[in-house]
Amino acid sequence: RHNSNKELIGQGIANMVTPLFGGIPATGAIARTATNIKNGAVS
């Protein structure tokens, strides 16, 4: 089970910092997250 409010906080921090280094907006990537799990990620 994920913490939806904490997830939004994490997304917010990432999108506030990333533009300062020239990066574009980001979010959770479903395909890469699924790949992460299938390859044995623990944390």
Full PDB file with SEQRES, HELIX, SHEET, SSBOND, CRYST1, ORIGX, SCALE, CONECT and MASTER records, all heavy atoms in Angstrom:
SEQRES   1 A   43  ARG HIS ASN SER ASN LYS GLU LEU ILE GLY GLN GLY ILE          
SEQRES   2 A   43  ALA ASN MET VAL THR PRO LEU PHE GLY GLY ILE PRO ALA          
SEQRES   3 A   43  THR GLY ALA ILE ALA ARG THR ALA THR ASN ILE LYS ASN          
SEQRES   4 A   43  GLY ALA VAL SER                                              
HELIX    1 AA1 SER A    4  VAL A   17  1                                  14    
HELIX    2 AA2 THR A   18  PHE A   21  5                                   4    
HELIX    3 AA3 ILE A   30  LYS A   38  1                                   9    
CRYST1    1.000    1.000    1.000  90.00  90.00  90.00 P 1           1          
ORIGX1      1.000000  0.000000  0.000000        0.00000                         
ORIGX2      0.000000  1.000000  0.000000        0.00000                         
ORIGX3      0.000000  0.000000  1.000000        0.00000                         
SCALE1      1.000000  0.000000  0.000000        0.00000                         
SCALE2      0.000000  1.000000  0.000000        0.00000                         
SCALE3      0.000000  0.000000  1.000000        0.00000                         
ATOM      1  N   ARG A   1       0.842  -1.195   0.000  1.00  0.00           N  
ATOM      2  CA  ARG A   1       0.000   0.000   0.000  1.00  0.00           C  
ATOM      3  C   ARG A   1       0.875   1.243   0.000  1.00  0.00           C  
ATOM      4  O   ARG A   1       1.823   1.340   0.789  1.00  0.00           O  
ATOM      5  CB  ARG A   1      -0.917   0.029   1.239  1.00  0.00           C  
ATOM      6  CG  ARG A   1      -2.014  -1.008   1.211  1.00  0.00           C  
ATOM      7  CD  ARG A   1      -3.005  -0.770   2.336  1.00  0.00           C  
ATOM      8  NE  ARG A   1      -3.704   0.499   2.161  1.00  0.00           N  
ATOM      9  CZ  ARG A   1      -4.593   0.976   3.030  1.00  0.00           C  
ATOM     10  NH1 ARG A   1      -4.853   0.308   4.145  1.00  0.00           N  
ATOM     11  NH2 ARG A   1      -5.183   2.131   2.815  1.00  0.00           N  
ATOM     12  N   HIS A   2       0.565   2.165  -0.893  1.00  0.00           N  
ATOM     13  CA  HIS A   2       1.327   3.408  -0.947  1.00  0.00           C  
ATOM     14  C   HIS A   2       0.618   4.493  -0.141  1.00  0.00           C  
ATOM     15  O   HIS A   2      -0.571   4.374   0.165  1.00  0.00           O  
ATOM     16  CB  HIS A   2       1.501   3.875  -2.396  1.00  0.00           C  
ATOM     17  CG  HIS A   2       0.235   4.422  -3.004  1.00  0.00           C  
ATOM     18  ND1 HIS A   2      -0.775   3.616  -3.490  1.00  0.00           N  
ATOM     19  CD2 HIS A   2      -0.191   5.706  -3.197  1.00  0.00           C  
ATOM     20  CE1 HIS A   2      -1.756   4.366  -3.957  1.00  0.00           C  
ATOM     21  NE2 HIS A   2      -1.434   5.640  -3.793  1.00  0.00           N  
ATOM     22  N   ASN A   3       1.343   5.539   0.181  1.00  0.00           N  
ATOM     23  CA  ASN A   3       0.782   6.712   0.861  1.00  0.00           C  
ATOM     24  C   ASN A   3       0.569   7.784  -0.198  1.00  0.00           C  
ATOM     25  O   ASN A   3       1.516   8.397  -0.673  1.00  0.00           O  
ATOM     26  CB  ASN A   3       1.749   7.194   1.942  1.00  0.00           C  
ATOM     27  CG  ASN A   3       1.190   8.343   2.754  1.00  0.00           C  
ATOM     28  OD1 ASN A   3       0.503   9.220   2.227  1.00  0.00           O  
ATOM     29  ND2 ASN A   3       1.481   8.361   4.039  1.00  0.00           N  
ATOM     30  N   SER A   4      -0.694   7.988  -0.591  1.00  0.00           N  
ATOM     31  CA  SER A   4      -0.988   8.877  -1.715  1.00  0.00           C  
ATOM     32  C   SER A   4      -0.576  10.320  -1.446  1.00  0.00           C  
ATOM     33  O   SER A   4      -0.057  11.004  -2.337  1.00  0.00           O  
ATOM     34  CB  SER A   4      -2.473   8.814  -2.074  1.00  0.00           C  
ATOM     35  OG  SER A   4      -3.272   9.190  -0.965  1.00  0.00           O  
ATOM     36  N   ASN A   5      -0.779  10.802  -0.236  1.00  0.00           N  
ATOM     37  CA  ASN A   5      -0.416  12.186   0.073  1.00  0.00           C  
ATOM     38  C   ASN A   5       1.101  12.376   0.088  1.00  0.00           C  
ATOM     39  O   ASN A   5       1.624  13.372  -0.412  1.00  0.00           O  
ATOM     40  CB  ASN A   5      -1.019  12.605   1.416  1.00  0.00           C  
ATOM     41  CG  ASN A   5      -2.528  12.656   1.377  1.00  0.00           C  
ATOM     42  OD1 ASN A   5      -3.119  13.210   0.458  1.00  0.00           O  
ATOM     43  ND2 ASN A   5      -3.167  12.034   2.346  1.00  0.00           N  
ATOM     44  N   LYS A   6       1.813  11.407   0.642  1.00  0.00           N  
ATOM     45  CA  LYS A   6       3.273  11.479   0.638  1.00  0.00           C  
ATOM     46  C   LYS A   6       3.813  11.367  -0.786  1.00  0.00           C  
ATOM     47  O   LYS A   6       4.814  11.995  -1.129  1.00  0.00           O  
ATOM     48  CB  LYS A   6       3.850  10.371   1.515  1.00  0.00           C  
ATOM     49  CG  LYS A   6       5.348  10.516   1.738  1.00  0.00           C  
ATOM     50  CD  LYS A   6       5.890   9.432   2.652  1.00  0.00           C  
ATOM     51  CE  LYS A   6       7.398   9.582   2.797  1.00  0.00           C  
ATOM     52  NZ  LYS A   6       7.987   8.473   3.591  1.00  0.00           N  
ATOM     53  N   GLU A   7       3.132  10.575  -1.598  1.00  0.00           N  
ATOM     54  CA  GLU A   7       3.547  10.445  -2.997  1.00  0.00           C  
ATOM     55  C   GLU A   7       3.433  11.795  -3.711  1.00  0.00           C  
ATOM     56  O   GLU A   7       4.318  12.183  -4.476  1.00  0.00           O  
ATOM     57  CB  GLU A   7       2.686   9.402  -3.706  1.00  0.00           C  
ATOM     58  CG  GLU A   7       3.049   9.163  -5.167  1.00  0.00           C  
ATOM     59  CD  GLU A   7       4.450   8.628  -5.351  1.00  0.00           C  
ATOM     60  OE1 GLU A   7       4.985   7.961  -4.451  1.00  0.00           O  
ATOM     61  OE2 GLU A   7       5.035   8.906  -6.419  1.00  0.00           O  
ATOM     62  N   LEU A   8       2.360  12.520  -3.458  1.00  0.00           N  
ATOM     63  CA  LEU A   8       2.196  13.844  -4.070  1.00  0.00           C  
ATOM     64  C   LEU A   8       3.260  14.812  -3.561  1.00  0.00           C  
ATOM     65  O   LEU A   8       3.750  15.655  -4.326  1.00  0.00           O  
ATOM     66  CB  LEU A   8       0.800  14.395  -3.775  1.00  0.00           C  
ATOM     67  CG  LEU A   8      -0.370  13.688  -4.471  1.00  0.00           C  
ATOM     68  CD1 LEU A   8      -1.686  14.353  -4.100  1.00  0.00           C  
ATOM     69  CD2 LEU A   8      -0.194  13.692  -5.984  1.00  0.00           C  
ATOM     70  N   ILE A   9       3.600  14.696  -2.301  1.00  0.00           N  
ATOM     71  CA  ILE A   9       4.666  15.552  -1.750  1.00  0.00           C  
ATOM     72  C   ILE A   9       5.983  15.256  -2.464  1.00  0.00           C  
ATOM     73  O   ILE A   9       6.719  16.171  -2.863  1.00  0.00           O  
ATOM     74  CB  ILE A   9       4.807  15.333  -0.228  1.00  0.00           C  
ATOM     75  CG1 ILE A   9       3.578  15.910   0.504  1.00  0.00           C  
ATOM     76  CG2 ILE A   9       6.083  15.975   0.304  1.00  0.00           C  
ATOM     77  CD1 ILE A   9       3.548  15.611   1.986  1.00  0.00           C  
ATOM     78  N   GLY A  10       6.287  13.975  -2.639  1.00  0.00           N  
ATOM     79  CA  GLY A  10       7.505  13.597  -3.350  1.00  0.00           C  
ATOM     80  C   GLY A  10       7.507  14.091  -4.782  1.00  0.00           C  
ATOM     81  O   GLY A  10       8.519  14.615  -5.281  1.00  0.00           O  
ATOM     82  N   GLN A  11       6.370  13.965  -5.447  1.00  0.00           N  
ATOM     83  CA  GLN A  11       6.249  14.458  -6.822  1.00  0.00           C  
ATOM     84  C   GLN A  11       6.421  15.981  -6.863  1.00  0.00           C  
ATOM     85  O   GLN A  11       7.024  16.534  -7.794  1.00  0.00           O  
ATOM     86  CB  GLN A  11       4.884  14.075  -7.400  1.00  0.00           C  
ATOM     87  CG  GLN A  11       4.633  12.585  -7.542  1.00  0.00           C  
ATOM     88  CD  GLN A  11       5.420  11.956  -8.661  1.00  0.00           C  
ATOM     89  OE1 GLN A  11       5.832  12.629  -9.606  1.00  0.00           O  
ATOM     90  NE2 GLN A  11       5.643  10.655  -8.584  1.00  0.00           N  
ATOM     91  N   GLY A  12       5.863  16.650  -5.853  1.00  0.00           N  
ATOM     92  CA  GLY A  12       5.977  18.103  -5.803  1.00  0.00           C  
ATOM     93  C   GLY A  12       7.410  18.561  -5.624  1.00  0.00           C  
ATOM     94  O   GLY A  12       7.882  19.461  -6.319  1.00  0.00           O  
ATOM     95  N   ILE A  13       8.125  17.933  -4.681  1.00  0.00           N  
ATOM     96  CA  ILE A  13       9.532  18.294  -4.449  1.00  0.00           C  
ATOM     97  C   ILE A  13      10.352  18.059  -5.707  1.00  0.00           C  
ATOM     98  O   ILE A  13      11.160  18.907  -6.114  1.00  0.00           O  
ATOM     99  CB  ILE A  13      10.098  17.472  -3.273  1.00  0.00           C  
ATOM    100  CG1 ILE A  13       9.424  17.885  -1.957  1.00  0.00           C  
ATOM    101  CG2 ILE A  13      11.616  17.646  -3.169  1.00  0.00           C  
ATOM    102  CD1 ILE A  13       9.776  17.004  -0.775  1.00  0.00           C  
ATOM    103  N   ALA A  14      10.140  16.908  -6.354  1.00  0.00           N  
ATOM    104  CA  ALA A  14      10.892  16.580  -7.567  1.00  0.00           C  
ATOM    105  C   ALA A  14      10.649  17.597  -8.673  1.00  0.00           C  
ATOM    106  O   ALA A  14      11.582  18.028  -9.360  1.00  0.00           O  
ATOM    107  CB  ALA A  14      10.518  15.176  -8.046  1.00  0.00           C  
ATOM    108  N   ASN A  15       9.401  18.006  -8.845  1.00  0.00           N  
ATOM    109  CA  ASN A  15       9.081  18.942  -9.921  1.00  0.00           C  
ATOM    110  C   ASN A  15       9.449  20.385  -9.580  1.00  0.00           C  
ATOM    111  O   ASN A  15       9.481  21.238 -10.473  1.00  0.00           O  
ATOM    112  CB  ASN A  15       7.599  18.837 -10.280  1.00  0.00           C  
ATOM    113  CG  ASN A  15       7.308  17.646 -11.177  1.00  0.00           C  
ATOM    114  OD1 ASN A  15       7.606  17.664 -12.366  1.00  0.00           O  
ATOM    115  ND2 ASN A  15       6.751  16.595 -10.591  1.00  0.00           N  
ATOM    116  N   MET A  16       9.709  20.667  -8.317  1.00  0.00           N  
ATOM    117  CA  MET A  16      10.223  21.990  -7.953  1.00  0.00           C  
ATOM    118  C   MET A  16      11.728  22.074  -8.168  1.00  0.00           C  
ATOM    119  O   MET A  16      12.253  23.118  -8.556  1.00  0.00           O  
ATOM    120  CB  MET A  16       9.888  22.291  -6.486  1.00  0.00           C  
ATOM    121  CG  MET A  16       8.411  22.550  -6.222  1.00  0.00           C  
ATOM    122  SD  MET A  16       8.024  22.649  -4.450  1.00  0.00           S  
ATOM    123  CE  MET A  16       8.961  24.104  -3.985  1.00  0.00           C  
ATOM    124  N   VAL A  17      12.428  20.974  -7.931  1.00  0.00           N  
ATOM    125  CA  VAL A  17      13.889  20.971  -8.037  1.00  0.00           C  
ATOM    126  C   VAL A  17      14.357  20.731  -9.472  1.00  0.00           C  
ATOM    127  O   VAL A  17      15.297  21.381  -9.943  1.00  0.00           O  
ATOM    128  CB  VAL A  17      14.492  19.904  -7.099  1.00  0.00           C  
ATOM    129  CG1 VAL A  17      16.002  19.811  -7.283  1.00  0.00           C  
ATOM    130  CG2 VAL A  17      14.137  20.209  -5.652  1.00  0.00           C  
ATOM    131  N   THR A  18      13.697  19.822 -10.178  1.00  0.00           N  
ATOM    132  CA  THR A  18      14.134  19.434 -11.531  1.00  0.00           C  
ATOM    133  C   THR A  18      14.272  20.621 -12.491  1.00  0.00           C  
ATOM    134  O   THR A  18      15.266  20.713 -13.225  1.00  0.00           O  
ATOM    135  CB  THR A  18      13.180  18.382 -12.113  1.00  0.00           C  
ATOM    136  OG1 THR A  18      13.159  17.236 -11.251  1.00  0.00           O  
ATOM    137  CG2 THR A  18      13.621  17.942 -13.497  1.00  0.00           C  
ATOM    138  N   PRO A  19      13.313  21.565 -12.541  1.00  0.00           N  
ATOM    139  CA  PRO A  19      13.464  22.699 -13.460  1.00  0.00           C  
ATOM    140  C   PRO A  19      14.702  23.554 -13.173  1.00  0.00           C  
ATOM    141  O   PRO A  19      15.220  24.216 -14.083  1.00  0.00           O  
ATOM    142  CB  PRO A  19      12.180  23.513 -13.242  1.00  0.00           C  
ATOM    143  CG  PRO A  19      11.201  22.542 -12.689  1.00  0.00           C  
ATOM    144  CD  PRO A  19      12.008  21.603 -11.857  1.00  0.00           C  
ATOM    145  N   LEU A  20      15.167  23.545 -11.951  1.00  0.00           N  
ATOM    146  CA  LEU A  20      16.348  24.327 -11.593  1.00  0.00           C  
ATOM    147  C   LEU A  20      17.608  23.767 -12.250  1.00  0.00           C  
ATOM    148  O   LEU A  20      18.641  24.442 -12.315  1.00  0.00           O  
ATOM    149  CB  LEU A  20      16.520  24.361 -10.072  1.00  0.00           C  
ATOM    150  CG  LEU A  20      15.326  24.899  -9.271  1.00  0.00           C  
ATOM    151  CD1 LEU A  20      15.640  24.883  -7.781  1.00  0.00           C  
ATOM    152  CD2 LEU A  20      14.946  26.303  -9.722  1.00  0.00           C  
ATOM    153  N   PHE A  21      17.527  22.536 -12.739  1.00  0.00           N  
ATOM    154  CA  PHE A  21      18.638  21.906 -13.449  1.00  0.00           C  
ATOM    155  C   PHE A  21      18.304  21.679 -14.926  1.00  0.00           C  
ATOM    156  O   PHE A  21      18.941  20.873 -15.599  1.00  0.00           O  
ATOM    157  CB  PHE A  21      19.004  20.580 -12.790  1.00  0.00           C  
ATOM    158  CG  PHE A  21      19.578  20.744 -11.412  1.00  0.00           C  
ATOM    159  CD1 PHE A  21      18.774  20.683 -10.286  1.00  0.00           C  
ATOM    160  CD2 PHE A  21      20.940  20.988 -11.239  1.00  0.00           C  
ATOM    161  CE1 PHE A  21      19.294  20.847  -9.018  1.00  0.00           C  
ATOM    162  CE2 PHE A  21      21.479  21.159  -9.964  1.00  0.00           C  
ATOM    163  CZ  PHE A  21      20.656  21.094  -8.855  1.00  0.00           C  
ATOM    164  N   GLY A  22      17.288  22.405 -15.396  1.00  0.00           N  
ATOM    165  CA  GLY A  22      16.938  22.322 -16.814  1.00  0.00           C  
ATOM    166  C   GLY A  22      16.022  21.181 -17.177  1.00  0.00           C  
ATOM    167  O   GLY A  22      15.738  20.960 -18.359  1.00  0.00           O  
ATOM    168  N   GLY A  23      15.537  20.421 -16.193  1.00  0.00           N  
ATOM    169  CA  GLY A  23      14.693  19.264 -16.474  1.00  0.00           C  
ATOM    170  C   GLY A  23      13.244  19.631 -16.712  1.00  0.00           C  
ATOM    171  O   GLY A  23      12.757  20.683 -16.294  1.00  0.00           O  
ATOM    172  N   ILE A  24      12.540  18.751 -17.408  1.00  0.00           N  
ATOM    173  CA  ILE A  24      11.122  18.946 -17.707  1.00  0.00           C  
ATOM    174  C   ILE A  24      10.272  18.269 -16.628  1.00  0.00           C  
ATOM    175  O   ILE A  24      10.787  17.495 -15.825  1.00  0.00           O  
ATOM    176  CB  ILE A  24      10.782  18.386 -19.108  1.00  0.00           C  
ATOM    177  CG1 ILE A  24      11.097  16.885 -19.175  1.00  0.00           C  
ATOM    178  CG2 ILE A  24      11.557  19.146 -20.175  1.00  0.00           C  
ATOM    179  CD1 ILE A  24      10.794  16.235 -20.522  1.00  0.00           C  
ATOM    180  N   PRO A  25       8.968  18.535 -16.581  1.00  0.00           N  
ATOM    181  CA  PRO A  25       8.115  17.913 -15.563  1.00  0.00           C  
ATOM    182  C   PRO A  25       8.182  16.389 -15.598  1.00  0.00           C  
ATOM    183  O   PRO A  25       8.351  15.775 -16.651  1.00  0.00           O  
ATOM    184  CB  PRO A  25       6.717  18.415 -15.932  1.00  0.00           C  
ATOM    185  CG  PRO A  25       6.964  19.753 -16.550  1.00  0.00           C  
ATOM    186  CD  PRO A  25       8.236  19.574 -17.343  1.00  0.00           C  
ATOM    187  N   ALA A  26       8.043  15.799 -14.422  1.00  0.00           N  
ATOM    188  CA  ALA A  26       8.157  14.341 -14.280  1.00  0.00           C  
ATOM    189  C   ALA A  26       6.998  13.807 -13.453  1.00  0.00           C  
ATOM    190  O   ALA A  26       6.317  14.553 -12.743  1.00  0.00           O  
ATOM    191  CB  ALA A  26       9.476  13.986 -13.607  1.00  0.00           C  
ATOM    192  N   THR A  27       6.796  12.515 -13.558  1.00  0.00           N  
ATOM    193  CA  THR A  27       5.769  11.847 -12.764  1.00  0.00           C  
ATOM    194  C   THR A  27       6.132  10.381 -12.639  1.00  0.00           C  
ATOM    195  O   THR A  27       7.162   9.939 -13.154  1.00  0.00           O  
ATOM    196  CB  THR A  27       4.374  12.010 -13.410  1.00  0.00           C  
ATOM    197  OG1 THR A  27       3.382  11.444 -12.559  1.00  0.00           O  
ATOM    198  CG2 THR A  27       4.311  11.315 -14.771  1.00  0.00           C  
ATOM    199  N   GLY A  28       5.285   9.604 -11.978  1.00  0.00           N  
ATOM    200  CA  GLY A  28       5.514   8.170 -11.874  1.00  0.00           C  
ATOM    201  C   GLY A  28       5.304   7.511 -13.226  1.00  0.00           C  
ATOM    202  O   GLY A  28       4.332   7.798 -13.923  1.00  0.00           O  
ATOM    203  N   ALA A  29       6.229   6.644 -13.600  1.00  0.00           N  
ATOM    204  CA  ALA A  29       6.173   5.959 -14.897  1.00  0.00           C  
ATOM    205  C   ALA A  29       5.703   4.527 -14.688  1.00  0.00           C  
ATOM    206  O   ALA A  29       6.410   3.719 -14.080  1.00  0.00           O  
ATOM    207  CB  ALA A  29       7.536   5.985 -15.562  1.00  0.00           C  
ATOM    208  N   ILE A  30       4.519   4.208 -15.180  1.00  0.00           N  
ATOM    209  CA  ILE A  30       3.913   2.899 -14.919  1.00  0.00           C  
ATOM    210  C   ILE A  30       4.777   1.764 -15.466  1.00  0.00           C  
ATOM    211  O   ILE A  30       5.047   0.777 -14.773  1.00  0.00           O  
ATOM    212  CB  ILE A  30       2.497   2.833 -15.519  1.00  0.00           C  
ATOM    213  CG1 ILE A  30       1.581   3.846 -14.821  1.00  0.00           C  
ATOM    214  CG2 ILE A  30       1.921   1.424 -15.395  1.00  0.00           C  
ATOM    215  CD1 ILE A  30       0.184   3.924 -15.392  1.00  0.00           C  
ATOM    216  N   ALA A  31       5.225   1.883 -16.728  1.00  0.00           N  
ATOM    217  CA  ALA A  31       5.993   0.798 -17.348  1.00  0.00           C  
ATOM    218  C   ALA A  31       7.318   0.570 -16.627  1.00  0.00           C  
ATOM    219  O   ALA A  31       7.716  -0.577 -16.360  1.00  0.00           O  
ATOM    220  CB  ALA A  31       6.232   1.108 -18.826  1.00  0.00           C  
ATOM    221  N   ARG A  32       8.020   1.665 -16.293  1.00  0.00           N  
ATOM    222  CA  ARG A  32       9.303   1.519 -15.603  1.00  0.00           C  
ATOM    223  C   ARG A  32       9.120   1.025 -14.166  1.00  0.00           C  
ATOM    224  O   ARG A  32       9.934   0.266 -13.650  1.00  0.00           O  
ATOM    225  CB  ARG A  32      10.050   2.855 -15.621  1.00  0.00           C  
ATOM    226  CG  ARG A  32      10.870   3.073 -16.887  1.00  0.00           C  
ATOM    227  CD  ARG A  32      11.249   4.522 -17.075  1.00  0.00           C  
ATOM    228  NE  ARG A  32      10.154   5.265 -17.702  1.00  0.00           N  
ATOM    229  CZ  ARG A  32      10.120   6.583 -17.807  1.00  0.00           C  
ATOM    230  NH1 ARG A  32      11.091   7.317 -17.293  1.00  0.00           N  
ATOM    231  NH2 ARG A  32       9.106   7.178 -18.401  1.00  0.00           N  
ATOM    232  N   THR A  33       8.024   1.443 -13.527  1.00  0.00           N  
ATOM    233  CA  THR A  33       7.741   0.944 -12.182  1.00  0.00           C  
ATOM    234  C   THR A  33       7.462  -0.559 -12.212  1.00  0.00           C  
ATOM    235  O   THR A  33       7.953  -1.308 -11.361  1.00  0.00           O  
ATOM    236  CB  THR A  33       6.527   1.683 -11.585  1.00  0.00           C  
ATOM    237  OG1 THR A  33       6.833   3.092 -11.491  1.00  0.00           O  
ATOM    238  CG2 THR A  33       6.186   1.164 -10.201  1.00  0.00           C  
ATOM    239  N   ALA A  34       6.679  -1.007 -13.205  1.00  0.00           N  
ATOM    240  CA  ALA A  34       6.391  -2.437 -13.342  1.00  0.00           C  
ATOM    241  C   ALA A  34       7.676  -3.224 -13.618  1.00  0.00           C  
ATOM    242  O   ALA A  34       7.889  -4.313 -13.074  1.00  0.00           O  
ATOM    243  CB  ALA A  34       5.376  -2.663 -14.461  1.00  0.00           C  
ATOM    244  N   THR A  35       8.544  -2.662 -14.465  1.00  0.00           N  
ATOM    245  CA  THR A  35       9.824  -3.310 -14.755  1.00  0.00           C  
ATOM    246  C   THR A  35      10.681  -3.406 -13.496  1.00  0.00           C  
ATOM    247  O   THR A  35      11.351  -4.421 -13.255  1.00  0.00           O  
ATOM    248  CB  THR A  35      10.587  -2.518 -15.834  1.00  0.00           C  
ATOM    249  OG1 THR A  35       9.776  -2.443 -17.021  1.00  0.00           O  
ATOM    250  CG2 THR A  35      11.905  -3.183 -16.175  1.00  0.00           C  
ATOM    251  N   ASN A  36      10.654  -2.371 -12.693  1.00  0.00           N  
ATOM    252  CA  ASN A  36      11.393  -2.341 -11.438  1.00  0.00           C  
ATOM    253  C   ASN A  36      10.959  -3.488 -10.527  1.00  0.00           C  
ATOM    254  O   ASN A  36      11.784  -4.205  -9.947  1.00  0.00           O  
ATOM    255  CB  ASN A  36      11.154  -0.994 -10.753  1.00  0.00           C  
ATOM    256  CG  ASN A  36      12.000  -0.783  -9.518  1.00  0.00           C  
ATOM    257  OD1 ASN A  36      13.169  -1.139  -9.479  1.00  0.00           O  
ATOM    258  ND2 ASN A  36      11.402  -0.199  -8.487  1.00  0.00           N  
ATOM    259  N   ILE A  37       9.642  -3.689 -10.441  1.00  0.00           N  
ATOM    260  CA  ILE A  37       9.100  -4.753  -9.587  1.00  0.00           C  
ATOM    261  C   ILE A  37       9.454  -6.135 -10.141  1.00  0.00           C  
ATOM    262  O   ILE A  37       9.884  -7.030  -9.410  1.00  0.00           O  
ATOM    263  CB  ILE A  37       7.573  -4.594  -9.462  1.00  0.00           C  
ATOM    264  CG1 ILE A  37       7.238  -3.300  -8.698  1.00  0.00           C  
ATOM    265  CG2 ILE A  37       6.954  -5.799  -8.762  1.00  0.00           C  
ATOM    266  CD1 ILE A  37       5.783  -2.917  -8.739  1.00  0.00           C  
ATOM    267  N   LYS A  38       9.283  -6.292 -11.460  1.00  0.00           N  
ATOM    268  CA  LYS A  38       9.536  -7.603 -12.081  1.00  0.00           C  
ATOM    269  C   LYS A  38      10.998  -8.025 -11.960  1.00  0.00           C  
ATOM    270  O   LYS A  38      11.301  -9.214 -12.017  1.00  0.00           O  
ATOM    271  CB  LYS A  38       9.130  -7.558 -13.552  1.00  0.00           C  
ATOM    272  CG  LYS A  38       7.625  -7.479 -13.770  1.00  0.00           C  
ATOM    273  CD  LYS A  38       7.281  -7.366 -15.242  1.00  0.00           C  
ATOM    274  CE  LYS A  38       5.773  -7.255 -15.449  1.00  0.00           C  
ATOM    275  NZ  LYS A  38       5.438  -7.106 -16.890  1.00  0.00           N  
ATOM    276  N   ASN A  39      11.888  -7.055 -11.799  1.00  0.00           N  
ATOM    277  CA  ASN A  39      13.304  -7.382 -11.694  1.00  0.00           C  
ATOM    278  C   ASN A  39      13.788  -7.477 -10.252  1.00  0.00           C  
ATOM    279  O   ASN A  39      14.986  -7.458  -9.999  1.00  0.00           O  
ATOM    280  CB  ASN A  39      14.135  -6.366 -12.476  1.00  0.00           C  
ATOM    281  CG  ASN A  39      14.074  -6.614 -13.972  1.00  0.00           C  
ATOM    282  OD1 ASN A  39      14.750  -7.490 -14.501  1.00  0.00           O  
ATOM    283  ND2 ASN A  39      13.220  -5.849 -14.669  1.00  0.00           N  
ATOM    284  N   GLY A  40      12.832  -7.557  -9.325  1.00  0.00           N  
ATOM    285  CA  GLY A  40      13.180  -7.888  -7.956  1.00  0.00           C  
ATOM    286  C   GLY A  40      13.410  -6.740  -7.003  1.00  0.00           C  
ATOM    287  O   GLY A  40      13.997  -6.928  -5.926  1.00  0.00           O  
ATOM    288  N   ALA A  41      12.964  -5.528  -7.340  1.00  0.00           N  
ATOM    289  CA  ALA A  41      13.150  -4.386  -6.442  1.00  0.00           C  
ATOM    290  C   ALA A  41      12.506  -4.660  -5.084  1.00  0.00           C  
ATOM    291  O   ALA A  41      11.453  -5.290  -4.992  1.00  0.00           O  
ATOM    292  CB  ALA A  41      12.558  -3.127  -7.050  1.00  0.00           C  
ATOM    293  N   VAL A  42      13.141  -4.176  -4.036  1.00  0.00           N  
ATOM    294  CA  VAL A  42      12.660  -4.408  -2.682  1.00  0.00           C  
ATOM    295  C   VAL A  42      12.257  -3.102  -1.995  1.00  0.00           C  
ATOM    296  O   VAL A  42      11.376  -3.089  -1.137  1.00  0.00           O  
ATOM    297  CB  VAL A  42      13.739  -5.120  -1.836  1.00  0.00           C  
ATOM    298  CG1 VAL A  42      13.260  -5.363  -0.415  1.00  0.00           C  
ATOM    299  CG2 VAL A  42      14.146  -6.430  -2.496  1.00  0.00           C  
ATOM    300  N   SER A  43      12.882  -1.990  -2.405  1.00  0.00           N  
ATOM    301  CA  SER A  43      12.658  -0.718  -1.714  1.00  0.00           C  
ATOM    302  C   SER A  43      12.881   0.457  -2.670  1.00  0.00           C  
ATOM    303  O   SER A  43      13.271   0.261  -3.827  1.00  0.00           O  
ATOM    304  CB  SER A  43      13.628  -0.602  -0.534  1.00  0.00           C  
ATOM    305  OG  SER A  43      14.933  -0.308  -1.016  1.00  0.00           O  
TER     306      SER A  43                                                      
MASTER        0    0    0    3    0    0    0    6  305    1    0    4          
END                                                                             
